[in-house]
Amino acid sequence: MNTRLIITILCAGALAFACGPRPRSNEPAALASIIPTHPFTAVAPKRHAADKHATEAKIDSRFAVVVAPKAVRLALDVVNVGGKHVELDFPNGRAYDFVIVDSVGRTVWHWADGRMFTQGVQNKQLGTGDAMRVSESWDTGVKPGKYTAVAVLNSTNYPVKRQVDFIVK
């Protein structure tokens, strides 16, 4: 009779251990200790420097400001210049922004002011050589003076911030 009780308790303990809580870490700590480190373990071949650059995900950006008689046109171009496709992640609908600052540092125009944006996460895929252009115009309250235009791409994984000084005559 004692044997049946001991076996039942041992089985219940084994079941409780097997179904018990696990650490929620993404690191496979328990598996790391059983991975063989034998000298004949297969290793990925080393890449040459040229191959590495061909397969990197990389973006380049250009910011252009065109001063017209009654408006200033702003354009931010983002180009995938790497060897892999790039996925730009945005935390919300405000994927980009433009700001105009005067020579004293005061904001005279902010594109996002007064606008509403979605709260959903968004992304944009750029294949190798693909480009994305965002452009806006500042056409209210343009007065002569020295200004700085700032363009921001609000990507969480490939953020971009560029600025250009310009003069309105």
N, C-alpha and C. Protein backbone atom coordinates (compact mmCIF):
# COMPACT_ATOMS: atom_id res chain seq x y z
N MET A 1 0.81 -1.18 0.00
CA MET A 1 0.00 0.00 0.00
C MET A 1 0.85 1.25 0.00
N ASN A 2 1.95 1.27 0.75
CA ASN A 2 2.83 2.43 0.76
C ASN A 2 3.49 2.64 -0.60
N THR A 3 3.73 1.58 -1.32
CA THR A 3 4.36 1.69 -2.64
C THR A 3 3.44 2.44 -3.60
N ARG A 4 2.15 2.12 -3.58
CA ARG A 4 1.19 2.81 -4.45
C ARG A 4 1.12 4.29 -4.12
N LEU A 5 1.14 4.63 -2.86
CA LEU A 5 1.08 6.03 -2.44
C LEU A 5 2.33 6.79 -2.88
N ILE A 6 3.49 6.17 -2.72
CA ILE A 6 4.76 6.80 -3.12
C ILE A 6 4.80 7.00 -4.64
N ILE A 7 4.36 5.99 -5.39
CA ILE A 7 4.37 6.10 -6.86
C ILE A 7 3.40 7.20 -7.30
N THR A 8 2.23 7.28 -6.68
CA THR A 8 1.25 8.32 -7.02
C THR A 8 1.82 9.71 -6.73
N ILE A 9 2.45 9.88 -5.59
CA ILE A 9 3.04 11.17 -5.23
C ILE A 9 4.16 11.53 -6.19
N LEU A 10 5.01 10.57 -6.54
CA LEU A 10 6.10 10.83 -7.48
C LEU A 10 5.56 11.21 -8.87
N CYS A 11 4.51 10.52 -9.31
CA CYS A 11 3.91 10.86 -10.62
C CYS A 11 3.29 12.25 -10.59
N ALA A 12 2.61 12.58 -9.49
CA ALA A 12 2.01 13.92 -9.38
C ALA A 12 3.10 14.98 -9.35
N GLY A 13 4.20 14.73 -8.66
CA GLY A 13 5.32 15.68 -8.62
C GLY A 13 5.96 15.86 -9.99
N ALA A 14 6.12 14.76 -10.73
CA ALA A 14 6.71 14.84 -12.07
C ALA A 14 5.80 15.63 -13.01
N LEU A 15 4.49 15.39 -12.88
CA LEU A 15 3.53 16.10 -13.71
C LEU A 15 3.52 17.60 -13.37
N ALA A 16 3.56 17.92 -12.09
CA ALA A 16 3.59 19.32 -11.67
C ALA A 16 4.87 20.00 -12.16
N PHE A 17 5.99 19.32 -12.12
CA PHE A 17 7.25 19.88 -12.61
C PHE A 17 7.20 20.11 -14.11
N ALA A 18 6.63 19.13 -14.84
CA ALA A 18 6.57 19.24 -16.30
C ALA A 18 5.63 20.35 -16.74
N CYS A 19 4.57 20.59 -16.02
CA CYS A 19 3.58 21.59 -16.40
C CYS A 19 3.75 22.90 -15.65
N GLY A 20 4.79 23.03 -14.87
CA GLY A 20 5.00 24.22 -14.06
C GLY A 20 5.41 25.42 -14.88
N PRO A 21 5.56 26.56 -14.22
CA PRO A 21 5.92 27.80 -14.93
C PRO A 21 7.33 27.74 -15.52
N ARG A 22 7.50 28.40 -16.62
CA ARG A 22 8.78 28.48 -17.31
C ARG A 22 9.24 29.93 -17.35
N PRO A 23 10.55 30.16 -17.40
CA PRO A 23 11.01 31.55 -17.56
C PRO A 23 10.57 32.07 -18.92
N ARG A 24 10.22 33.33 -19.01
CA ARG A 24 9.69 33.91 -20.25
C ARG A 24 10.77 34.62 -21.06
N SER A 25 12.01 34.28 -20.85
CA SER A 25 13.11 34.88 -21.59
C SER A 25 13.14 34.33 -23.00
N ASN A 26 13.57 35.15 -23.94
CA ASN A 26 13.72 34.71 -25.33
C ASN A 26 15.00 33.92 -25.54
N GLU A 27 15.88 33.95 -24.59
CA GLU A 27 17.15 33.25 -24.73
C GLU A 27 16.98 31.79 -24.36
N PRO A 28 17.40 30.87 -25.21
CA PRO A 28 17.27 29.45 -24.90
C PRO A 28 18.39 29.00 -23.98
N ALA A 29 18.33 29.41 -22.72
CA ALA A 29 19.41 29.12 -21.77
C ALA A 29 19.55 27.63 -21.52
N ALA A 30 18.42 26.93 -21.41
CA ALA A 30 18.49 25.50 -21.12
C ALA A 30 19.05 24.74 -22.31
N LEU A 31 18.76 25.19 -23.53
CA LEU A 31 19.25 24.50 -24.71
C LEU A 31 20.72 24.80 -24.98
N ALA A 32 21.20 25.92 -24.52
CA ALA A 32 22.58 26.29 -24.79
C ALA A 32 23.55 25.31 -24.18
N SER A 33 23.18 24.70 -23.07
CA SER A 33 24.10 23.78 -22.41
C SER A 33 24.17 22.43 -23.10
N ILE A 34 23.18 22.08 -23.95
CA ILE A 34 23.22 20.78 -24.60
C ILE A 34 23.68 20.86 -26.05
N ILE A 35 23.96 22.05 -26.55
CA ILE A 35 24.46 22.18 -27.92
C ILE A 35 25.92 21.73 -27.93
N PRO A 36 26.26 20.77 -28.79
CA PRO A 36 27.63 20.27 -28.79
C PRO A 36 28.62 21.32 -29.27
N THR A 37 29.76 21.35 -28.65
CA THR A 37 30.83 22.26 -29.08
C THR A 37 32.01 21.45 -29.58
N HIS A 38 31.72 20.40 -30.29
CA HIS A 38 32.73 19.52 -30.84
C HIS A 38 33.52 20.26 -31.90
N PRO A 39 34.83 20.00 -32.03
CA PRO A 39 35.62 20.74 -33.03
C PRO A 39 35.16 20.52 -34.45
N PHE A 40 34.36 19.49 -34.72
CA PHE A 40 33.90 19.22 -36.08
C PHE A 40 32.50 19.77 -36.34
N THR A 41 32.02 20.64 -35.47
CA THR A 41 30.72 21.25 -35.66
C THR A 41 30.76 22.14 -36.91
N ALA A 42 29.70 22.07 -37.71
CA ALA A 42 29.65 22.86 -38.94
C ALA A 42 29.59 24.35 -38.61
N VAL A 43 30.37 25.14 -39.32
CA VAL A 43 30.43 26.58 -39.13
C VAL A 43 30.12 27.24 -40.46
N ALA A 44 29.35 28.29 -40.43
CA ALA A 44 29.03 29.02 -41.66
C ALA A 44 30.31 29.58 -42.26
N PRO A 45 30.46 29.52 -43.58
CA PRO A 45 31.68 30.04 -44.21
C PRO A 45 31.80 31.54 -44.01
N LYS A 46 33.04 32.00 -43.89
CA LYS A 46 33.28 33.44 -43.73
C LYS A 46 32.96 34.15 -45.03
N ARG A 47 32.40 35.33 -44.90
CA ARG A 47 32.07 36.14 -46.08
C ARG A 47 33.21 37.11 -46.35
N HIS A 48 33.39 37.40 -47.62
CA HIS A 48 34.35 38.42 -48.00
C HIS A 48 33.75 39.78 -47.74
N ALA A 49 34.56 40.80 -47.59
CA ALA A 49 34.08 42.16 -47.30
C ALA A 49 33.11 42.64 -48.38
N ALA A 50 33.37 42.32 -49.64
CA ALA A 50 32.50 42.75 -50.73
C ALA A 50 31.13 42.10 -50.62
N ASP A 51 31.09 40.80 -50.23
CA ASP A 51 29.82 40.10 -50.06
C ASP A 51 29.02 40.71 -48.93
N LYS A 52 29.69 41.09 -47.85
CA LYS A 52 29.01 41.65 -46.70
C LYS A 52 28.27 42.93 -47.07
N HIS A 53 28.91 43.80 -47.82
CA HIS A 53 28.28 45.06 -48.20
C HIS A 53 27.15 44.83 -49.21
N ALA A 54 27.23 43.77 -49.99
CA ALA A 54 26.20 43.49 -50.97
C ALA A 54 24.92 43.00 -50.30
N THR A 55 25.01 42.43 -49.10
CA THR A 55 23.83 41.88 -48.45
C THR A 55 23.37 42.70 -47.25
N GLU A 56 23.95 43.85 -47.01
CA GLU A 56 23.52 44.70 -45.91
C GLU A 56 22.26 45.47 -46.28
N ALA A 57 21.42 45.70 -45.28
CA ALA A 57 20.28 46.58 -45.46
C ALA A 57 20.75 47.99 -45.11
N LYS A 58 20.64 48.90 -46.07
CA LYS A 58 21.18 50.24 -45.87
C LYS A 58 20.33 51.24 -46.63
N ILE A 59 20.09 52.40 -46.00
CA ILE A 59 19.33 53.44 -46.70
C ILE A 59 20.15 54.71 -46.77
N ASP A 60 19.82 55.54 -47.76
CA ASP A 60 20.44 56.84 -47.94
C ASP A 60 19.29 57.85 -48.06
N SER A 61 19.54 59.08 -47.67
CA SER A 61 18.48 60.08 -47.74
C SER A 61 19.02 61.38 -48.29
N ARG A 62 18.11 62.12 -48.94
CA ARG A 62 18.41 63.45 -49.46
C ARG A 62 17.25 64.36 -49.11
N PHE A 63 17.57 65.58 -48.74
CA PHE A 63 16.54 66.55 -48.38
C PHE A 63 16.73 67.77 -49.27
N ALA A 64 15.70 68.11 -50.02
CA ALA A 64 15.76 69.24 -50.94
C ALA A 64 14.76 70.32 -50.52
N VAL A 65 15.21 71.56 -50.58
CA VAL A 65 14.36 72.72 -50.29
C VAL A 65 14.40 73.63 -51.51
N VAL A 66 13.22 73.91 -52.07
CA VAL A 66 13.11 74.79 -53.24
C VAL A 66 12.30 76.01 -52.83
N VAL A 67 12.94 77.19 -52.94
CA VAL A 67 12.27 78.44 -52.57
C VAL A 67 11.64 79.03 -53.83
N ALA A 68 10.31 79.11 -53.80
CA ALA A 68 9.56 79.71 -54.91
C ALA A 68 9.08 81.09 -54.44
N PRO A 69 8.49 81.91 -55.33
CA PRO A 69 8.08 83.26 -54.93
C PRO A 69 7.14 83.31 -53.72
N LYS A 70 6.18 82.43 -53.61
CA LYS A 70 5.23 82.51 -52.50
C LYS A 70 5.16 81.23 -51.68
N ALA A 71 6.09 80.32 -51.86
CA ALA A 71 6.05 79.05 -51.15
C ALA A 71 7.45 78.45 -51.07
N VAL A 72 7.60 77.55 -50.14
CA VAL A 72 8.84 76.78 -50.01
C VAL A 72 8.45 75.31 -50.09
N ARG A 73 9.02 74.60 -51.07
CA ARG A 73 8.72 73.19 -51.25
C ARG A 73 9.81 72.34 -50.60
N LEU A 74 9.37 71.37 -49.82
CA LEU A 74 10.28 70.49 -49.09
C LEU A 74 10.09 69.06 -49.58
N ALA A 75 11.18 68.33 -49.81
CA ALA A 75 11.08 66.95 -50.27
C ALA A 75 12.19 66.11 -49.63
N LEU A 76 11.78 65.03 -48.99
CA LEU A 76 12.72 64.08 -48.40
C LEU A 76 12.65 62.79 -49.19
N ASP A 77 13.79 62.39 -49.76
CA ASP A 77 13.89 61.14 -50.51
C ASP A 77 14.68 60.14 -49.69
N VAL A 78 14.15 58.94 -49.54
CA VAL A 78 14.83 57.85 -48.85
C VAL A 78 14.99 56.72 -49.85
N VAL A 79 16.24 56.25 -50.04
CA VAL A 79 16.55 55.24 -51.05
C VAL A 79 17.22 54.06 -50.38
N ASN A 80 16.82 52.85 -50.77
CA ASN A 80 17.47 51.63 -50.29
C ASN A 80 18.69 51.39 -51.18
N VAL A 81 19.88 51.60 -50.63
CA VAL A 81 21.12 51.44 -51.38
C VAL A 81 21.84 50.15 -51.00
N GLY A 82 21.24 49.34 -50.16
CA GLY A 82 21.85 48.08 -49.72
C GLY A 82 21.49 46.94 -50.64
N GLY A 83 21.99 45.77 -50.30
CA GLY A 83 21.76 44.57 -51.09
C GLY A 83 20.53 43.79 -50.69
N LYS A 84 19.85 44.19 -49.62
CA LYS A 84 18.66 43.49 -49.15
C LYS A 84 17.48 44.45 -49.14
N HIS A 85 16.27 43.88 -49.12
CA HIS A 85 15.11 44.76 -49.00
C HIS A 85 15.06 45.32 -47.59
N VAL A 86 14.46 46.48 -47.46
CA VAL A 86 14.36 47.18 -46.18
C VAL A 86 12.89 47.34 -45.84
N GLU A 87 12.55 47.09 -44.59
CA GLU A 87 11.20 47.34 -44.12
C GLU A 87 11.27 48.45 -43.09
N LEU A 88 10.72 49.61 -43.44
CA LEU A 88 10.69 50.75 -42.52
C LEU A 88 9.49 50.59 -41.60
N ASP A 89 9.73 50.60 -40.30
CA ASP A 89 8.66 50.46 -39.31
C ASP A 89 8.32 51.81 -38.72
N PHE A 90 7.02 52.12 -38.67
CA PHE A 90 6.55 53.38 -38.11
C PHE A 90 5.60 53.08 -36.96
N PRO A 91 5.78 53.74 -35.81
CA PRO A 91 4.94 53.44 -34.65
C PRO A 91 3.51 53.94 -34.78
N ASN A 92 3.26 54.87 -35.73
CA ASN A 92 1.91 55.41 -35.93
C ASN A 92 1.83 56.01 -37.34
N GLY A 93 0.74 56.71 -37.62
CA GLY A 93 0.53 57.28 -38.95
C GLY A 93 1.40 58.47 -39.28
N ARG A 94 2.10 59.00 -38.31
CA ARG A 94 3.00 60.14 -38.54
C ARG A 94 4.36 59.60 -38.96
N ALA A 95 4.46 59.23 -40.22
CA ALA A 95 5.67 58.61 -40.74
C ALA A 95 6.80 59.62 -40.96
N TYR A 96 6.44 60.88 -41.15
CA TYR A 96 7.44 61.91 -41.40
C TYR A 96 6.96 63.23 -40.83
N ASP A 97 7.87 64.21 -40.82
CA ASP A 97 7.51 65.53 -40.33
C ASP A 97 8.47 66.56 -40.93
N PHE A 98 7.98 67.78 -41.08
CA PHE A 98 8.80 68.89 -41.54
C PHE A 98 8.61 70.06 -40.57
N VAL A 99 9.71 70.75 -40.27
CA VAL A 99 9.68 71.92 -39.39
C VAL A 99 10.53 73.01 -40.02
N ILE A 100 10.05 74.26 -39.96
CA ILE A 100 10.83 75.42 -40.40
C ILE A 100 11.13 76.26 -39.16
N VAL A 101 12.42 76.57 -38.98
CA VAL A 101 12.88 77.34 -37.81
C VAL A 101 13.55 78.60 -38.33
N ASP A 102 13.28 79.75 -37.68
CA ASP A 102 13.92 80.99 -38.12
C ASP A 102 15.34 81.08 -37.57
N SER A 103 16.02 82.20 -37.87
CA SER A 103 17.44 82.35 -37.49
C SER A 103 17.64 82.44 -35.98
N VAL A 104 16.59 82.75 -35.22
CA VAL A 104 16.68 82.85 -33.77
C VAL A 104 16.40 81.50 -33.12
N GLY A 105 15.86 80.56 -33.87
CA GLY A 105 15.56 79.24 -33.33
C GLY A 105 14.09 79.00 -33.02
N ARG A 106 13.23 79.96 -33.38
CA ARG A 106 11.79 79.81 -33.15
C ARG A 106 11.17 79.02 -34.30
N THR A 107 10.25 78.14 -33.97
CA THR A 107 9.52 77.39 -34.98
C THR A 107 8.50 78.31 -35.64
N VAL A 108 8.61 78.50 -36.95
CA VAL A 108 7.67 79.35 -37.67
C VAL A 108 6.63 78.53 -38.43
N TRP A 109 6.92 77.26 -38.70
CA TRP A 109 5.97 76.38 -39.37
C TRP A 109 6.30 74.95 -39.00
N HIS A 110 5.26 74.21 -38.64
CA HIS A 110 5.42 72.81 -38.29
C HIS A 110 4.32 72.04 -39.03
N TRP A 111 4.70 71.20 -39.95
CA TRP A 111 3.74 70.50 -40.80
C TRP A 111 2.71 69.71 -39.99
N ALA A 112 3.12 69.05 -38.92
CA ALA A 112 2.22 68.16 -38.16
C ALA A 112 1.25 68.91 -37.25
N ASP A 113 1.47 70.20 -37.00
CA ASP A 113 0.57 70.95 -36.11
C ASP A 113 -0.85 70.95 -36.65
N GLY A 114 -1.79 70.62 -35.79
CA GLY A 114 -3.19 70.62 -36.16
C GLY A 114 -3.65 69.41 -36.94
N ARG A 115 -2.77 68.44 -37.17
CA ARG A 115 -3.15 67.24 -37.91
C ARG A 115 -3.38 66.08 -36.94
N MET A 116 -4.21 65.16 -37.37
CA MET A 116 -4.46 63.96 -36.58
C MET A 116 -3.85 62.77 -37.31
N PHE A 117 -3.29 61.83 -36.56
CA PHE A 117 -2.63 60.67 -37.15
C PHE A 117 -3.19 59.39 -36.55
N THR A 118 -3.17 58.33 -37.34
CA THR A 118 -3.62 57.04 -36.84
C THR A 118 -2.67 56.54 -35.77
N GLN A 119 -3.15 55.70 -34.89
CA GLN A 119 -2.31 55.14 -33.82
C GLN A 119 -1.80 53.74 -34.17
N GLY A 120 -2.12 53.25 -35.34
CA GLY A 120 -1.71 51.90 -35.74
C GLY A 120 -0.28 51.86 -36.25
N VAL A 121 0.39 50.78 -35.94
CA VAL A 121 1.75 50.55 -36.44
C VAL A 121 1.68 50.35 -37.95
N GLN A 122 2.62 50.95 -38.66
CA GLN A 122 2.65 50.83 -40.12
C GLN A 122 4.05 50.45 -40.57
N ASN A 123 4.17 49.97 -41.79
CA ASN A 123 5.49 49.71 -42.36
C ASN A 123 5.48 49.99 -43.85
N LYS A 124 6.66 50.15 -44.38
CA LYS A 124 6.85 50.44 -45.81
C LYS A 124 8.01 49.59 -46.29
N GLN A 125 7.79 48.82 -47.34
CA GLN A 125 8.81 47.94 -47.90
C GLN A 125 9.56 48.67 -49.03
N LEU A 126 10.88 48.60 -48.98
CA LEU A 126 11.71 49.16 -50.06
C LEU A 126 12.65 48.06 -50.55
N GLY A 127 12.48 47.68 -51.79
CA GLY A 127 13.40 46.72 -52.39
C GLY A 127 14.72 47.41 -52.71
N THR A 128 15.69 46.63 -53.13
CA THR A 128 17.00 47.19 -53.48
C THR A 128 16.83 48.22 -54.60
N GLY A 129 17.29 49.44 -54.36
CA GLY A 129 17.18 50.52 -55.34
C GLY A 129 15.87 51.28 -55.29
N ASP A 130 14.90 50.80 -54.52
CA ASP A 130 13.61 51.50 -54.43
C ASP A 130 13.74 52.78 -53.60
N ALA A 131 12.86 53.73 -53.89
CA ALA A 131 12.90 55.02 -53.19
C ALA A 131 11.51 55.36 -52.65
N MET A 132 11.53 56.17 -51.63
CA MET A 132 10.30 56.70 -51.04
C MET A 132 10.47 58.20 -50.96
N ARG A 133 9.47 58.95 -51.42
CA ARG A 133 9.55 60.41 -51.37
C ARG A 133 8.35 60.95 -50.60
N VAL A 134 8.66 61.86 -49.69
CA VAL A 134 7.61 62.60 -48.99
C VAL A 134 7.88 64.07 -49.24
N SER A 135 6.82 64.81 -49.57
CA SER A 135 7.01 66.23 -49.88
C SER A 135 5.81 67.03 -49.40
N GLU A 136 6.09 68.25 -49.01
CA GLU A 136 5.07 69.19 -48.53
C GLU A 136 5.48 70.59 -48.94
N SER A 137 4.55 71.54 -48.81
CA SER A 137 4.83 72.94 -49.11
C SER A 137 4.47 73.82 -47.94
N TRP A 138 5.34 74.78 -47.67
CA TRP A 138 5.07 75.83 -46.68
C TRP A 138 4.67 77.06 -47.50
N ASP A 139 3.39 77.38 -47.44
CA ASP A 139 2.93 78.50 -48.28
C ASP A 139 2.11 79.53 -47.52
N THR A 140 2.09 79.47 -46.19
CA THR A 140 1.38 80.47 -45.40
C THR A 140 2.35 81.18 -44.47
N GLY A 141 2.36 82.47 -44.52
CA GLY A 141 3.22 83.24 -43.63
C GLY A 141 4.69 83.24 -44.00
N VAL A 142 4.99 83.03 -45.28
CA VAL A 142 6.39 83.03 -45.72
C VAL A 142 6.86 84.48 -45.81
N LYS A 143 7.88 84.81 -45.01
CA LYS A 143 8.45 86.16 -45.01
C LYS A 143 9.94 86.07 -45.32
N PRO A 144 10.52 87.16 -45.84
CA PRO A 144 11.96 87.14 -46.11
C PRO A 144 12.76 86.90 -44.84
N GLY A 145 13.86 86.16 -44.98
CA GLY A 145 14.72 85.89 -43.84
C GLY A 145 15.53 84.61 -44.03
N LYS A 146 16.36 84.30 -43.03
CA LYS A 146 17.16 83.08 -43.02
C LYS A 146 16.42 82.03 -42.20
N TYR A 147 16.32 80.83 -42.76
CA TYR A 147 15.59 79.75 -42.11
C TYR A 147 16.37 78.44 -42.17
N THR A 148 15.96 77.51 -41.33
CA THR A 148 16.47 76.14 -41.37
C THR A 148 15.26 75.22 -41.48
N ALA A 149 15.30 74.34 -42.46
CA ALA A 149 14.25 73.34 -42.63
C ALA A 149 14.76 72.02 -42.08
N VAL A 150 13.92 71.34 -41.33
CA VAL A 150 14.28 70.05 -40.74
C VAL A 150 13.26 69.02 -41.23
N ALA A 151 13.78 67.92 -41.76
CA ALA A 151 12.93 66.81 -42.20
C ALA A 151 13.25 65.60 -41.33
N VAL A 152 12.19 64.90 -40.91
CA VAL A 152 12.37 63.74 -40.04
C VAL A 152 11.56 62.59 -40.61
N LEU A 153 12.20 61.43 -40.72
CA LEU A 153 11.51 60.18 -41.03
C LEU A 153 11.38 59.45 -39.70
N ASN A 154 10.16 59.26 -39.23
CA ASN A 154 9.92 58.71 -37.89
C ASN A 154 9.95 57.19 -37.85
N SER A 155 10.85 56.58 -38.57
CA SER A 155 10.99 55.12 -38.57
C SER A 155 11.69 54.68 -37.28
N THR A 156 11.19 53.61 -36.68
CA THR A 156 11.82 53.13 -35.45
C THR A 156 13.11 52.39 -35.72
N ASN A 157 13.25 51.77 -36.89
CA ASN A 157 14.46 51.00 -37.16
C ASN A 157 15.44 51.70 -38.11
N TYR A 158 15.00 52.67 -38.88
CA TYR A 158 15.88 53.46 -39.76
C TYR A 158 15.50 54.94 -39.65
N PRO A 159 15.70 55.55 -38.50
CA PRO A 159 15.31 56.97 -38.37
C PRO A 159 16.22 57.87 -39.19
N VAL A 160 15.64 58.95 -39.72
CA VAL A 160 16.39 59.91 -40.53
C VAL A 160 16.03 61.30 -40.04
N LYS A 161 17.05 62.15 -39.89
CA LYS A 161 16.82 63.56 -39.58
C LYS A 161 17.83 64.36 -40.39
N ARG A 162 17.31 65.20 -41.28
CA ARG A 162 18.16 66.03 -42.14
C ARG A 162 17.73 67.47 -42.00
N GLN A 163 18.68 68.39 -42.18
CA GLN A 163 18.32 69.80 -42.15
C GLN A 163 19.08 70.56 -43.22
N VAL A 164 18.45 71.64 -43.69
CA VAL A 164 19.00 72.48 -44.75
C VAL A 164 18.74 73.93 -44.39
N ASP A 165 19.77 74.76 -44.48
CA ASP A 165 19.61 76.20 -44.29
C ASP A 165 19.24 76.83 -45.64
N PHE A 166 18.34 77.82 -45.61
CA PHE A 166 17.96 78.49 -46.85
C PHE A 166 17.54 79.93 -46.53
N ILE A 167 17.46 80.74 -47.60
CA ILE A 167 17.09 82.15 -47.45
C ILE A 167 15.90 82.45 -48.35
N VAL A 168 14.92 83.16 -47.78
CA VAL A 168 13.77 83.62 -48.56
C VAL A 168 13.99 85.12 -48.78
N LYS A 169 13.97 85.54 -50.06
CA LYS A 169 14.20 86.95 -50.40
C LYS A 169 12.91 87.66 -50.66
